[in-house]
């Protein structure tokens, strides 16, 4: 089920989109804190964003710009301000589409589905796990972020894969060592620490600072 973040302050429109999304088997979450849209985006890690332009505190252009600093997730603007200037501005800000209000819910869902297919259907050939704009490709065991391809060793890949599979939960060191033991090489506590530290350095160098968090005495997590 695809995760859709809806940034819309009109409760009637928001509810209608959520209900329609459920009919299309989409998980639509509405932003609650319009002071911190980026924080909710990061916590939810959606696969598509629906964004109104006129919002409390900061407009949709501001939040589109903030999201584009950390992610290339597909984004559709929804607005009654559908003049050419706003449409051009939305596209220049990094939007993938612009839908004028009022709109037919079925048309909206059809456009959402089409954009999701274009963005994610490649995963059938090369499954990926995504978080914070980074995508781990399980076909070639590489990480892509912000237009760059990050090569990983076999152990680094298995560590990151295990953490992303358990995203939001602490993964014990024992579990990580079990995954690394699936290779032909012996792995002990010190080897695990060395591999995690090396992986962290690669992530930091790519701009993914703090991607892996340590829980002392428990293990590691990606959140």
N, C-alpha and C. Protein backbone atom coordinates (compact mmCIF):
# COMPACT_ATOMS: atom_id res chain seq x y z
N UNK A 1 0.84 -1.19 0.00
CA UNK A 1 0.00 0.00 0.00
C UNK A 1 0.88 1.25 0.00
N UNK A 2 0.68 2.11 -0.99
CA UNK A 2 1.48 3.32 -1.09
C UNK A 2 1.07 4.33 -0.01
N UNK A 3 2.08 5.06 0.51
CA UNK A 3 1.85 6.08 1.53
C UNK A 3 1.76 7.45 0.85
N UNK A 4 0.65 8.15 1.09
CA UNK A 4 0.42 9.46 0.52
C UNK A 4 0.31 10.48 1.66
N UNK A 5 1.11 11.54 1.61
CA UNK A 5 1.00 12.61 2.59
C UNK A 5 0.17 13.74 1.98
N UNK A 6 -0.91 14.11 2.65
CA UNK A 6 -1.82 15.16 2.18
C UNK A 6 -1.61 16.42 3.00
N UNK A 7 -1.19 17.49 2.35
CA UNK A 7 -0.97 18.78 3.01
C UNK A 7 -2.11 19.70 2.58
N UNK A 8 -3.21 19.64 3.31
CA UNK A 8 -4.45 20.35 2.96
C UNK A 8 -5.15 20.78 4.24
N UNK A 9 -5.42 22.10 4.37
CA UNK A 9 -6.02 22.60 5.62
C UNK A 9 -7.54 22.66 5.58
N UNK A 10 -8.14 22.38 4.42
CA UNK A 10 -9.60 22.32 4.33
C UNK A 10 -10.02 20.91 4.76
N UNK A 11 -10.66 20.80 5.93
CA UNK A 11 -10.97 19.49 6.49
C UNK A 11 -11.93 18.69 5.60
N UNK A 12 -12.85 19.38 4.93
CA UNK A 12 -13.79 18.69 4.05
C UNK A 12 -13.09 18.05 2.87
N UNK A 13 -12.21 18.82 2.23
CA UNK A 13 -11.46 18.29 1.09
C UNK A 13 -10.54 17.16 1.55
N UNK A 14 -9.88 17.38 2.70
CA UNK A 14 -8.95 16.38 3.22
C UNK A 14 -9.66 15.06 3.50
N UNK A 15 -10.82 15.14 4.11
CA UNK A 15 -11.55 13.91 4.43
C UNK A 15 -11.99 13.18 3.17
N UNK A 16 -12.46 13.95 2.18
CA UNK A 16 -12.91 13.33 0.93
C UNK A 16 -11.75 12.63 0.23
N UNK A 17 -10.56 13.25 0.23
CA UNK A 17 -9.40 12.62 -0.41
C UNK A 17 -8.98 11.37 0.34
N UNK A 18 -9.01 11.43 1.67
CA UNK A 18 -8.64 10.25 2.47
C UNK A 18 -9.60 9.09 2.19
N UNK A 19 -10.89 9.38 2.12
CA UNK A 19 -11.88 8.33 1.86
C UNK A 19 -11.70 7.75 0.46
N UNK A 20 -11.46 8.63 -0.51
CA UNK A 20 -11.27 8.15 -1.88
C UNK A 20 -9.99 7.33 -1.98
N UNK A 21 -8.93 7.80 -1.29
CA UNK A 21 -7.66 7.07 -1.30
C UNK A 21 -7.81 5.67 -0.74
N UNK A 22 -8.59 5.53 0.34
CA UNK A 22 -8.82 4.22 0.94
C UNK A 22 -9.50 3.28 -0.05
N UNK A 23 -10.40 3.82 -0.87
CA UNK A 23 -11.08 3.00 -1.88
C UNK A 23 -10.10 2.50 -2.93
N UNK A 24 -9.02 3.25 -3.14
CA UNK A 24 -8.00 2.88 -4.11
C UNK A 24 -6.83 2.15 -3.43
N UNK A 25 -7.03 1.76 -2.18
CA UNK A 25 -6.03 1.04 -1.39
C UNK A 25 -4.74 1.86 -1.24
N UNK A 26 -4.92 3.15 -0.95
CA UNK A 26 -3.81 4.05 -0.65
C UNK A 26 -3.88 4.46 0.82
N UNK A 27 -2.74 4.56 1.46
CA UNK A 27 -2.68 5.00 2.85
C UNK A 27 -2.45 6.51 2.85
N UNK A 28 -3.53 7.29 3.00
CA UNK A 28 -3.43 8.75 2.94
C UNK A 28 -3.41 9.30 4.36
N UNK A 29 -2.35 10.03 4.69
CA UNK A 29 -2.23 10.66 6.00
C UNK A 29 -2.27 12.18 5.84
N UNK A 30 -3.10 12.84 6.64
CA UNK A 30 -3.22 14.30 6.59
C UNK A 30 -2.25 14.94 7.57
N UNK A 31 -1.60 16.00 7.14
CA UNK A 31 -0.72 16.77 8.02
C UNK A 31 -1.57 17.43 9.11
N UNK A 32 -1.09 17.35 10.34
CA UNK A 32 -1.79 17.97 11.47
C UNK A 32 -1.10 19.25 11.94
N UNK A 33 0.22 19.27 11.88
CA UNK A 33 0.98 20.42 12.37
C UNK A 33 1.51 21.22 11.18
N UNK A 34 0.82 22.29 10.83
CA UNK A 34 1.23 23.08 9.67
C UNK A 34 2.43 23.98 9.96
N UNK A 35 2.87 23.98 11.22
CA UNK A 35 4.13 24.63 11.56
C UNK A 35 5.32 23.77 11.12
N UNK A 36 5.11 22.45 11.04
CA UNK A 36 6.22 21.53 10.81
C UNK A 36 5.84 20.46 9.79
N UNK A 37 5.51 20.88 8.60
CA UNK A 37 5.15 19.93 7.54
C UNK A 37 6.34 19.03 7.21
N UNK A 38 7.54 19.61 7.18
CA UNK A 38 8.72 18.81 6.85
C UNK A 38 8.96 17.72 7.90
N UNK A 39 8.71 18.04 9.17
CA UNK A 39 8.88 17.04 10.21
C UNK A 39 7.92 15.88 10.03
N UNK A 40 6.67 16.18 9.67
CA UNK A 40 5.69 15.11 9.44
C UNK A 40 6.05 14.32 8.18
N UNK A 41 6.55 15.01 7.18
CA UNK A 41 7.00 14.33 5.96
C UNK A 41 8.11 13.34 6.29
N UNK A 42 9.10 13.78 7.06
CA UNK A 42 10.23 12.92 7.40
C UNK A 42 9.79 11.72 8.22
N UNK A 43 8.88 11.95 9.17
CA UNK A 43 8.43 10.86 10.05
C UNK A 43 7.62 9.82 9.28
N UNK A 44 6.81 10.27 8.33
CA UNK A 44 5.92 9.37 7.60
C UNK A 44 6.60 8.72 6.40
N UNK A 45 7.58 9.44 5.81
CA UNK A 45 8.33 8.95 4.64
C UNK A 45 7.37 8.50 3.53
N UNK A 46 6.55 9.42 3.00
CA UNK A 46 5.55 9.04 1.99
C UNK A 46 6.18 8.76 0.64
N UNK A 47 5.41 8.09 -0.22
CA UNK A 47 5.86 7.83 -1.58
C UNK A 47 5.26 8.83 -2.58
N UNK A 48 4.36 9.70 -2.09
CA UNK A 48 3.81 10.78 -2.91
C UNK A 48 3.22 11.83 -1.98
N UNK A 49 3.30 13.09 -2.39
CA UNK A 49 2.78 14.20 -1.60
C UNK A 49 1.73 14.95 -2.42
N UNK A 50 0.58 15.23 -1.79
CA UNK A 50 -0.44 16.11 -2.35
C UNK A 50 -0.38 17.41 -1.55
N UNK A 51 -0.14 18.53 -2.22
CA UNK A 51 0.16 19.79 -1.53
C UNK A 51 -0.74 20.93 -1.99
N UNK A 52 -1.47 21.53 -1.05
CA UNK A 52 -2.20 22.76 -1.35
C UNK A 52 -1.20 23.91 -1.38
N UNK A 53 -1.56 25.02 -2.04
CA UNK A 53 -0.68 26.19 -2.05
C UNK A 53 -0.97 27.09 -0.86
N UNK A 54 -2.24 27.41 -0.64
CA UNK A 54 -2.63 28.30 0.46
C UNK A 54 -2.76 27.49 1.75
N UNK A 55 -1.81 27.71 2.65
CA UNK A 55 -1.76 26.96 3.91
C UNK A 55 -1.51 27.91 5.07
N UNK A 56 -1.81 27.50 6.29
CA UNK A 56 -1.48 28.34 7.45
C UNK A 56 0.04 28.46 7.61
N UNK A 57 0.48 29.63 8.06
CA UNK A 57 1.88 29.89 8.43
C UNK A 57 2.81 30.00 7.22
N UNK A 58 3.00 28.91 6.46
CA UNK A 58 3.86 28.94 5.27
C UNK A 58 3.09 28.30 4.12
N UNK A 59 3.27 28.84 2.91
CA UNK A 59 2.50 28.30 1.78
C UNK A 59 3.13 27.03 1.23
N UNK A 60 2.42 26.41 0.29
CA UNK A 60 2.86 25.15 -0.28
C UNK A 60 4.18 25.25 -1.02
N UNK A 61 4.47 26.40 -1.60
CA UNK A 61 5.75 26.57 -2.29
C UNK A 61 6.91 26.42 -1.31
N UNK A 62 6.74 27.00 -0.13
CA UNK A 62 7.78 26.90 0.89
C UNK A 62 8.04 25.44 1.25
N UNK A 63 6.96 24.70 1.50
CA UNK A 63 7.14 23.31 1.93
C UNK A 63 7.62 22.42 0.79
N UNK A 64 7.22 22.75 -0.43
CA UNK A 64 7.74 22.02 -1.59
C UNK A 64 9.26 22.19 -1.67
N UNK A 65 9.72 23.42 -1.48
CA UNK A 65 11.16 23.70 -1.50
C UNK A 65 11.88 22.95 -0.40
N UNK A 66 11.28 22.92 0.80
CA UNK A 66 11.91 22.21 1.93
C UNK A 66 11.98 20.71 1.65
N UNK A 67 10.92 20.15 1.10
CA UNK A 67 10.91 18.72 0.80
C UNK A 67 11.94 18.39 -0.27
N UNK A 68 12.04 19.27 -1.27
CA UNK A 68 12.99 19.01 -2.35
C UNK A 68 14.45 19.07 -1.88
N UNK A 69 14.70 19.66 -0.74
CA UNK A 69 16.06 19.66 -0.18
C UNK A 69 16.48 18.27 0.27
N UNK A 70 15.49 17.43 0.61
CA UNK A 70 15.81 16.11 1.17
C UNK A 70 15.26 14.95 0.37
N UNK A 71 14.40 15.21 -0.61
CA UNK A 71 13.73 14.10 -1.30
C UNK A 71 13.27 14.49 -2.69
N UNK A 72 13.24 13.50 -3.57
CA UNK A 72 12.70 13.69 -4.92
C UNK A 72 11.36 12.96 -5.06
N UNK A 73 10.67 12.76 -3.93
CA UNK A 73 9.39 12.07 -3.93
C UNK A 73 8.40 12.79 -4.87
N UNK A 74 7.58 12.05 -5.61
CA UNK A 74 6.59 12.71 -6.48
C UNK A 74 5.68 13.63 -5.68
N UNK A 75 5.38 14.81 -6.25
CA UNK A 75 4.58 15.81 -5.55
C UNK A 75 3.60 16.45 -6.52
N UNK A 76 2.33 16.51 -6.12
CA UNK A 76 1.27 17.13 -6.92
C UNK A 76 0.68 18.29 -6.14
N UNK A 77 0.61 19.46 -6.78
CA UNK A 77 -0.05 20.61 -6.17
C UNK A 77 -1.55 20.55 -6.44
N UNK A 78 -2.34 20.89 -5.42
CA UNK A 78 -3.79 21.02 -5.54
C UNK A 78 -4.13 22.46 -5.16
N UNK A 79 -4.75 23.21 -6.06
CA UNK A 79 -5.02 24.61 -5.72
C UNK A 79 -6.10 25.20 -6.60
N UNK A 80 -6.85 26.14 -6.00
CA UNK A 80 -7.83 26.91 -6.78
C UNK A 80 -7.14 28.06 -7.50
N UNK A 81 -5.90 28.36 -7.11
CA UNK A 81 -5.12 29.40 -7.78
C UNK A 81 -4.44 28.79 -8.99
N UNK A 82 -5.25 28.50 -10.00
CA UNK A 82 -4.76 27.73 -11.14
C UNK A 82 -4.43 28.61 -12.35
N UNK A 83 -4.00 29.84 -12.11
CA UNK A 83 -3.58 30.68 -13.23
C UNK A 83 -2.22 30.21 -13.72
N UNK A 84 -1.85 30.65 -14.90
CA UNK A 84 -0.61 30.18 -15.53
C UNK A 84 0.62 30.46 -14.67
N UNK A 85 0.65 31.61 -14.00
CA UNK A 85 1.81 31.97 -13.19
C UNK A 85 2.03 30.95 -12.07
N UNK A 86 0.93 30.58 -11.38
CA UNK A 86 1.07 29.61 -10.29
C UNK A 86 1.44 28.22 -10.81
N UNK A 87 0.90 27.84 -11.93
CA UNK A 87 1.23 26.53 -12.49
C UNK A 87 2.70 26.48 -12.86
N UNK A 88 3.18 27.53 -13.54
CA UNK A 88 4.59 27.58 -13.93
C UNK A 88 5.48 27.59 -12.69
N UNK A 89 5.11 28.37 -11.68
CA UNK A 89 5.90 28.43 -10.46
C UNK A 89 5.96 27.07 -9.77
N UNK A 90 4.81 26.38 -9.72
CA UNK A 90 4.76 25.07 -9.08
C UNK A 90 5.71 24.09 -9.77
N UNK A 91 5.69 24.08 -11.09
CA UNK A 91 6.57 23.18 -11.83
C UNK A 91 8.03 23.54 -11.63
N UNK A 92 8.32 24.83 -11.61
CA UNK A 92 9.70 25.27 -11.39
C UNK A 92 10.20 24.95 -9.98
N UNK A 93 9.26 24.85 -9.04
CA UNK A 93 9.63 24.52 -7.66
C UNK A 93 9.92 23.03 -7.49
N UNK A 94 9.56 22.23 -8.49
CA UNK A 94 9.84 20.80 -8.42
C UNK A 94 8.62 19.92 -8.36
N UNK A 95 7.42 20.49 -8.60
CA UNK A 95 6.20 19.67 -8.61
C UNK A 95 6.17 18.79 -9.86
N UNK A 96 5.47 17.67 -9.76
CA UNK A 96 5.33 16.76 -10.89
C UNK A 96 4.02 16.98 -11.64
N UNK A 97 3.04 17.62 -10.97
CA UNK A 97 1.76 17.87 -11.62
C UNK A 97 1.03 18.96 -10.83
N UNK A 98 0.01 19.53 -11.46
CA UNK A 98 -0.79 20.59 -10.84
C UNK A 98 -2.25 20.31 -11.18
N UNK A 99 -3.08 20.17 -10.16
CA UNK A 99 -4.50 19.89 -10.37
C UNK A 99 -5.32 21.04 -9.79
N UNK A 100 -6.17 21.63 -10.62
CA UNK A 100 -6.95 22.79 -10.20
C UNK A 100 -8.18 22.36 -9.40
N UNK A 101 -8.46 23.11 -8.34
CA UNK A 101 -9.70 22.92 -7.57
C UNK A 101 -10.81 23.75 -8.21
N UNK A 102 -12.04 23.27 -8.18
CA UNK A 102 -12.47 21.94 -7.70
C UNK A 102 -12.12 20.87 -8.73
N UNK A 103 -11.91 19.67 -8.25
CA UNK A 103 -11.53 18.58 -9.15
C UNK A 103 -12.39 17.35 -8.86
N UNK A 104 -12.46 16.47 -9.83
CA UNK A 104 -13.16 15.21 -9.67
C UNK A 104 -12.23 14.25 -8.92
N UNK A 105 -12.72 13.63 -7.84
CA UNK A 105 -11.88 12.75 -7.03
C UNK A 105 -11.32 11.59 -7.86
N UNK A 106 -12.10 11.11 -8.79
CA UNK A 106 -11.64 9.99 -9.60
C UNK A 106 -10.49 10.40 -10.51
N UNK A 107 -10.57 11.63 -11.01
CA UNK A 107 -9.47 12.14 -11.84
C UNK A 107 -8.21 12.29 -11.01
N UNK A 108 -8.36 12.81 -9.78
CA UNK A 108 -7.21 12.94 -8.89
C UNK A 108 -6.56 11.59 -8.64
N UNK A 109 -7.38 10.58 -8.30
CA UNK A 109 -6.84 9.26 -8.01
C UNK A 109 -6.18 8.63 -9.24
N UNK A 110 -6.76 8.87 -10.40
CA UNK A 110 -6.17 8.34 -11.63
C UNK A 110 -4.79 8.95 -11.88
N UNK A 111 -4.67 10.26 -11.61
CA UNK A 111 -3.37 10.93 -11.79
C UNK A 111 -2.37 10.46 -10.75
N UNK A 112 -2.83 10.26 -9.52
CA UNK A 112 -1.96 9.75 -8.46
C UNK A 112 -1.43 8.36 -8.84
N UNK A 113 -2.33 7.49 -9.29
CA UNK A 113 -1.93 6.14 -9.66
C UNK A 113 -0.94 6.16 -10.82
N UNK A 114 -1.18 7.02 -11.81
CA UNK A 114 -0.29 7.10 -12.96
C UNK A 114 1.11 7.56 -12.54
N UNK A 115 1.17 8.55 -11.64
CA UNK A 115 2.45 9.06 -11.18
C UNK A 115 3.18 8.01 -10.34
N UNK A 116 2.44 7.29 -9.51
CA UNK A 116 3.05 6.22 -8.72
C UNK A 116 3.61 5.12 -9.62
N UNK A 117 2.88 4.78 -10.67
CA UNK A 117 3.38 3.76 -11.60
C UNK A 117 4.67 4.21 -12.26
N UNK A 118 4.70 5.46 -12.71
CA UNK A 118 5.90 5.96 -13.37
C UNK A 118 7.08 6.00 -12.41
N UNK A 119 6.81 6.34 -11.15
CA UNK A 119 7.90 6.52 -10.19
C UNK A 119 8.40 5.21 -9.60
N UNK A 120 7.51 4.22 -9.45
CA UNK A 120 7.88 3.05 -8.66
C UNK A 120 7.72 1.70 -9.35
N UNK A 121 7.19 1.65 -10.54
CA UNK A 121 7.02 0.35 -11.18
C UNK A 121 8.35 -0.33 -11.47
N UNK A 122 9.43 0.46 -11.59
CA UNK A 122 10.74 -0.14 -11.81
C UNK A 122 11.11 -1.08 -10.68
N UNK A 123 10.46 -0.92 -9.52
CA UNK A 123 10.80 -1.75 -8.36
C UNK A 123 10.46 -3.22 -8.60
N UNK A 124 9.58 -3.51 -9.58
CA UNK A 124 9.29 -4.90 -9.87
C UNK A 124 10.52 -5.61 -10.42
N UNK A 125 11.35 -4.86 -11.16
CA UNK A 125 12.57 -5.45 -11.69
C UNK A 125 13.73 -5.31 -10.72
N UNK A 126 13.73 -4.21 -9.97
CA UNK A 126 14.80 -3.96 -9.02
C UNK A 126 14.20 -3.42 -7.73
N UNK A 127 13.76 -4.32 -6.84
CA UNK A 127 13.11 -3.86 -5.60
C UNK A 127 13.99 -2.91 -4.81
N UNK A 128 13.38 -1.89 -4.26
CA UNK A 128 14.14 -0.91 -3.48
C UNK A 128 13.47 -0.70 -2.13
N UNK A 129 14.28 -0.31 -1.17
CA UNK A 129 13.81 0.12 0.14
C UNK A 129 14.23 1.57 0.28
N UNK A 130 13.27 2.47 0.53
CA UNK A 130 13.55 3.90 0.54
C UNK A 130 13.33 4.50 1.92
N UNK A 131 14.16 5.50 2.24
CA UNK A 131 14.02 6.22 3.50
C UNK A 131 14.80 7.52 3.39
N UNK A 132 14.15 8.62 3.80
CA UNK A 132 14.78 9.96 3.80
C UNK A 132 15.38 10.31 2.43
N UNK A 133 14.71 9.86 1.38
CA UNK A 133 15.18 10.18 0.04
C UNK A 133 16.26 9.25 -0.49
N UNK A 134 16.74 8.32 0.35
CA UNK A 134 17.74 7.35 -0.08
C UNK A 134 17.04 6.06 -0.48
N UNK A 135 17.53 5.41 -1.54
CA UNK A 135 16.91 4.19 -2.04
C UNK A 135 17.97 3.09 -2.14
N UNK A 136 17.73 2.01 -1.41
CA UNK A 136 18.63 0.86 -1.45
C UNK A 136 18.13 -0.10 -2.51
N UNK A 137 18.95 -0.30 -3.55
CA UNK A 137 18.59 -1.18 -4.67
C UNK A 137 19.06 -2.59 -4.37
N UNK A 138 18.10 -3.53 -4.24
CA UNK A 138 18.47 -4.89 -3.88
C UNK A 138 18.96 -5.70 -5.08
N UNK A 139 18.86 -5.11 -6.28
CA UNK A 139 19.34 -5.81 -7.47
C UNK A 139 20.86 -5.69 -7.60
N UNK A 140 21.37 -4.46 -7.47
CA UNK A 140 22.82 -4.28 -7.60
C UNK A 140 23.50 -3.94 -6.27
N UNK A 141 22.73 -3.98 -5.18
CA UNK A 141 23.25 -3.77 -3.82
C UNK A 141 23.98 -2.43 -3.69
N UNK A 142 23.35 -1.40 -4.26
CA UNK A 142 23.89 -0.04 -4.14
C UNK A 142 22.84 0.86 -3.53
N UNK A 143 23.32 1.97 -3.00
CA UNK A 143 22.45 2.98 -2.40
C UNK A 143 22.49 4.22 -3.28
N UNK A 144 21.31 4.77 -3.57
CA UNK A 144 21.23 6.00 -4.36
C UNK A 144 20.64 7.11 -3.50
N UNK A 145 21.28 8.27 -3.57
CA UNK A 145 20.78 9.41 -2.80
C UNK A 145 21.21 10.69 -3.49
N UNK A 146 20.22 11.58 -3.69
CA UNK A 146 20.49 12.91 -4.23
C UNK A 146 21.28 12.84 -5.54
N UNK A 147 20.90 11.87 -6.39
CA UNK A 147 21.53 11.77 -7.70
C UNK A 147 22.85 11.03 -7.73
N UNK A 148 23.33 10.57 -6.58
CA UNK A 148 24.61 9.86 -6.56
C UNK A 148 24.41 8.39 -6.22
N UNK A 149 25.29 7.57 -6.73
CA UNK A 149 25.26 6.13 -6.48
C UNK A 149 26.37 5.79 -5.50
N UNK A 150 25.98 5.17 -4.39
CA UNK A 150 26.93 4.87 -3.32
C UNK A 150 27.19 3.36 -3.31
N UNK A 151 28.42 2.97 -3.60
CA UNK A 151 28.77 1.55 -3.62
C UNK A 151 28.91 1.05 -2.18
N UNK A 152 28.42 -0.18 -1.96
CA UNK A 152 28.48 -0.79 -0.63
C UNK A 152 29.19 -2.14 -0.70
N UNK A 153 29.93 -2.47 0.35
CA UNK A 153 30.46 -3.82 0.44
C UNK A 153 29.31 -4.78 0.76
N UNK A 154 29.58 -6.07 0.67
CA UNK A 154 28.52 -7.04 0.95
C UNK A 154 28.02 -6.92 2.38
N UNK A 155 28.94 -6.73 3.33
CA UNK A 155 28.52 -6.60 4.72
C UNK A 155 27.77 -5.30 4.97
N UNK A 156 28.23 -4.19 4.36
CA UNK A 156 27.54 -2.91 4.52
C UNK A 156 26.13 -3.00 3.96
N UNK A 157 25.99 -3.67 2.82
CA UNK A 157 24.67 -3.82 2.22
C UNK A 157 23.75 -4.63 3.13
N UNK A 158 24.23 -5.73 3.68
CA UNK A 158 23.39 -6.57 4.53
C UNK A 158 22.99 -5.83 5.81
N UNK A 159 23.89 -5.03 6.36
CA UNK A 159 23.56 -4.25 7.56
C UNK A 159 22.45 -3.25 7.23
N UNK A 160 22.63 -2.49 6.14
CA UNK A 160 21.66 -1.47 5.78
C UNK A 160 20.32 -2.09 5.40
N UNK A 161 20.36 -3.21 4.68
CA UNK A 161 19.12 -3.89 4.30
C UNK A 161 18.34 -4.32 5.55
N UNK A 162 19.03 -4.90 6.52
CA UNK A 162 18.38 -5.37 7.74
C UNK A 162 17.77 -4.20 8.52
N UNK A 163 18.50 -3.09 8.60
CA UNK A 163 17.99 -1.92 9.33
C UNK A 163 16.79 -1.31 8.62
N UNK A 164 16.83 -1.25 7.29
CA UNK A 164 15.70 -0.68 6.55
C UNK A 164 14.48 -1.59 6.60
N UNK A 165 14.70 -2.89 6.61
CA UNK A 165 13.57 -3.82 6.72
C UNK A 165 12.87 -3.65 8.08
N UNK A 166 13.64 -3.27 9.09
CA UNK A 166 13.06 -3.06 10.42
C UNK A 166 12.95 -1.59 10.78
N UNK A 167 12.78 -0.74 9.77
CA UNK A 167 12.76 0.71 9.98
C UNK A 167 11.81 1.11 11.10
N UNK A 168 12.33 1.95 12.01
CA UNK A 168 11.53 2.41 13.13
C UNK A 168 11.64 1.52 14.35
N UNK A 169 12.32 0.38 14.20
CA UNK A 169 12.50 -0.54 15.33
C UNK A 169 13.99 -0.77 15.56
N UNK A 170 14.36 -1.00 16.81
CA UNK A 170 15.76 -1.30 17.13
C UNK A 170 16.09 -2.71 16.65
N UNK A 171 17.17 -2.83 15.91
CA UNK A 171 17.66 -4.14 15.46
C UNK A 171 18.87 -4.49 16.31
N UNK A 172 18.82 -5.61 16.98
CA UNK A 172 19.89 -6.00 17.89
C UNK A 172 21.17 -6.31 17.14
N UNK A 173 22.29 -6.18 17.84
CA UNK A 173 23.58 -6.56 17.25
C UNK A 173 23.59 -8.04 16.91
N UNK A 174 22.92 -8.84 17.74
CA UNK A 174 22.86 -10.27 17.48
C UNK A 174 22.17 -10.55 16.16
N UNK A 175 21.06 -9.84 15.89
CA UNK A 175 20.34 -10.03 14.63
C UNK A 175 21.20 -9.63 13.44
N UNK A 176 21.91 -8.53 13.58
CA UNK A 176 22.78 -8.09 12.49
C UNK A 176 23.88 -9.10 12.23
N UNK A 177 24.45 -9.66 13.30
CA UNK A 177 25.50 -10.66 13.11
C UNK A 177 24.95 -11.92 12.47
N UNK A 178 23.70 -12.27 12.79
CA UNK A 178 23.08 -13.41 12.13
C UNK A 178 22.99 -13.19 10.63
N UNK A 179 22.61 -11.97 10.23
CA UNK A 179 22.51 -11.66 8.80
C UNK A 179 23.88 -11.70 8.13
N UNK A 180 24.89 -11.21 8.83
CA UNK A 180 26.23 -11.22 8.26
C UNK A 180 26.81 -12.63 8.22
N UNK A 181 26.41 -13.49 9.12
CA UNK A 181 26.88 -14.87 9.14
C UNK A 181 26.33 -15.65 7.96
N UNK A 182 25.34 -15.09 7.28
CA UNK A 182 24.82 -15.76 6.09
C UNK A 182 25.84 -15.76 4.96
N UNK A 183 26.87 -14.91 5.11
CA UNK A 183 27.97 -14.93 4.14
C UNK A 183 28.93 -16.04 4.56
N UNK A 184 30.01 -16.19 3.80
CA UNK A 184 30.99 -17.23 4.10
C UNK A 184 32.04 -16.78 5.11
N UNK A 185 31.99 -15.53 5.53
CA UNK A 185 33.01 -15.00 6.42
C UNK A 185 32.54 -14.98 7.86
N UNK A 186 33.48 -15.18 8.78
CA UNK A 186 33.16 -15.15 10.20
C UNK A 186 33.02 -13.69 10.65
N UNK A 187 32.02 -13.42 11.45
CA UNK A 187 31.78 -12.05 11.91
C UNK A 187 31.67 -12.08 13.43
N UNK A 188 32.46 -11.25 14.10
CA UNK A 188 32.35 -11.15 15.55
C UNK A 188 31.92 -9.73 15.91
N UNK A 189 31.83 -9.44 17.19
CA UNK A 189 31.35 -8.14 17.67
C UNK A 189 32.18 -7.00 17.11
N UNK A 190 33.49 -7.14 17.14
CA UNK A 190 34.36 -6.07 16.68
C UNK A 190 34.21 -5.84 15.18
N UNK A 191 34.07 -6.92 14.42
CA UNK A 191 33.90 -6.79 12.97
C UNK A 191 32.60 -6.05 12.64
N UNK A 192 31.55 -6.35 13.41
CA UNK A 192 30.28 -5.65 13.20
C UNK A 192 30.44 -4.16 13.43
N UNK A 193 31.11 -3.80 14.54
CA UNK A 193 31.33 -2.39 14.86
C UNK A 193 32.10 -1.68 13.75
N UNK A 194 33.13 -2.34 13.25
CA UNK A 194 33.94 -1.75 12.17
C UNK A 194 33.09 -1.53 10.93
N UNK A 195 32.26 -2.51 10.58
CA UNK A 195 31.42 -2.39 9.39
C UNK A 195 30.38 -1.29 9.54
N UNK A 196 29.76 -1.20 10.72
CA UNK A 196 28.76 -0.15 10.95
C UNK A 196 29.41 1.22 10.87
N UNK A 197 30.59 1.38 11.47
CA UNK A 197 31.28 2.67 11.44
C UNK A 197 31.68 3.05 10.01
N UNK A 198 32.13 2.08 9.25
CA UNK A 198 32.51 2.35 7.85
C UNK A 198 31.28 2.75 7.04
N UNK A 199 30.16 2.06 7.28
CA UNK A 199 28.92 2.40 6.58
C UNK A 199 28.47 3.81 6.96
N UNK A 200 28.55 4.16 8.23
CA UNK A 200 28.16 5.50 8.67
C UNK A 200 28.99 6.58 7.98
N UNK A 201 30.27 6.34 7.83
CA UNK A 201 31.14 7.32 7.17
C UNK A 201 30.70 7.54 5.72
N UNK A 202 30.33 6.45 5.04
CA UNK A 202 29.86 6.58 3.66
C UNK A 202 28.56 7.38 3.61
N UNK A 203 27.66 7.10 4.54
CA UNK A 203 26.38 7.80 4.57
C UNK A 203 26.59 9.28 4.88
N UNK A 204 27.45 9.58 5.85
CA UNK A 204 27.73 10.97 6.21
C UNK A 204 28.34 11.72 5.03
N UNK A 205 29.26 11.07 4.33
CA UNK A 205 29.92 11.71 3.18
C UNK A 205 28.93 12.02 2.07
N UNK A 206 27.87 11.21 1.98
CA UNK A 206 26.85 11.42 0.95
C UNK A 206 25.80 12.44 1.37
N UNK A 207 25.86 12.89 2.62
CA UNK A 207 24.89 13.87 3.11
C UNK A 207 23.79 13.27 3.97
N UNK A 208 23.90 11.98 4.27
CA UNK A 208 22.89 11.30 5.09
C UNK A 208 23.38 11.22 6.54
N UNK A 209 23.54 12.38 7.14
CA UNK A 209 24.05 12.43 8.50
C UNK A 209 23.04 11.87 9.50
N UNK A 210 23.51 11.08 10.45
CA UNK A 210 22.64 10.53 11.48
C UNK A 210 21.63 9.53 10.95
N UNK A 211 21.91 8.92 9.80
CA UNK A 211 20.96 7.97 9.20
C UNK A 211 20.77 6.74 10.10
N UNK A 212 21.85 6.29 10.72
CA UNK A 212 21.80 5.14 11.63
C UNK A 212 22.01 5.63 13.06
N UNK A 213 21.08 5.28 13.93
CA UNK A 213 21.14 5.68 15.33
C UNK A 213 21.54 4.49 16.20
N UNK A 214 22.40 4.74 17.18
CA UNK A 214 22.79 3.69 18.13
C UNK A 214 21.91 3.75 19.36
N UNK A 215 21.44 2.60 19.80
CA UNK A 215 20.75 2.47 21.07
C UNK A 215 21.66 1.63 21.97
N UNK A 216 22.34 2.30 22.87
CA UNK A 216 23.35 1.64 23.70
C UNK A 216 22.74 0.46 24.44
N UNK A 217 23.40 -0.67 24.30
CA UNK A 217 22.93 -1.88 24.98
C UNK A 217 21.81 -2.60 24.26
N UNK A 218 21.31 -2.02 23.16
CA UNK A 218 20.19 -2.63 22.46
C UNK A 218 20.53 -2.95 21.01
N UNK A 219 21.10 -1.99 20.29
CA UNK A 219 21.44 -2.22 18.88
C UNK A 219 21.39 -0.92 18.10
N UNK A 220 20.90 -1.02 16.85
CA UNK A 220 20.87 0.12 15.95
C UNK A 220 19.47 0.24 15.34
N UNK A 221 19.18 1.45 14.86
CA UNK A 221 17.92 1.62 14.13
C UNK A 221 18.02 2.75 13.14
N UNK A 222 17.14 2.66 12.14
CA UNK A 222 16.92 3.73 11.18
C UNK A 222 15.51 4.24 11.46
N UNK A 223 15.39 5.55 11.72
CA UNK A 223 14.07 6.11 12.06
C UNK A 223 13.84 7.42 11.36
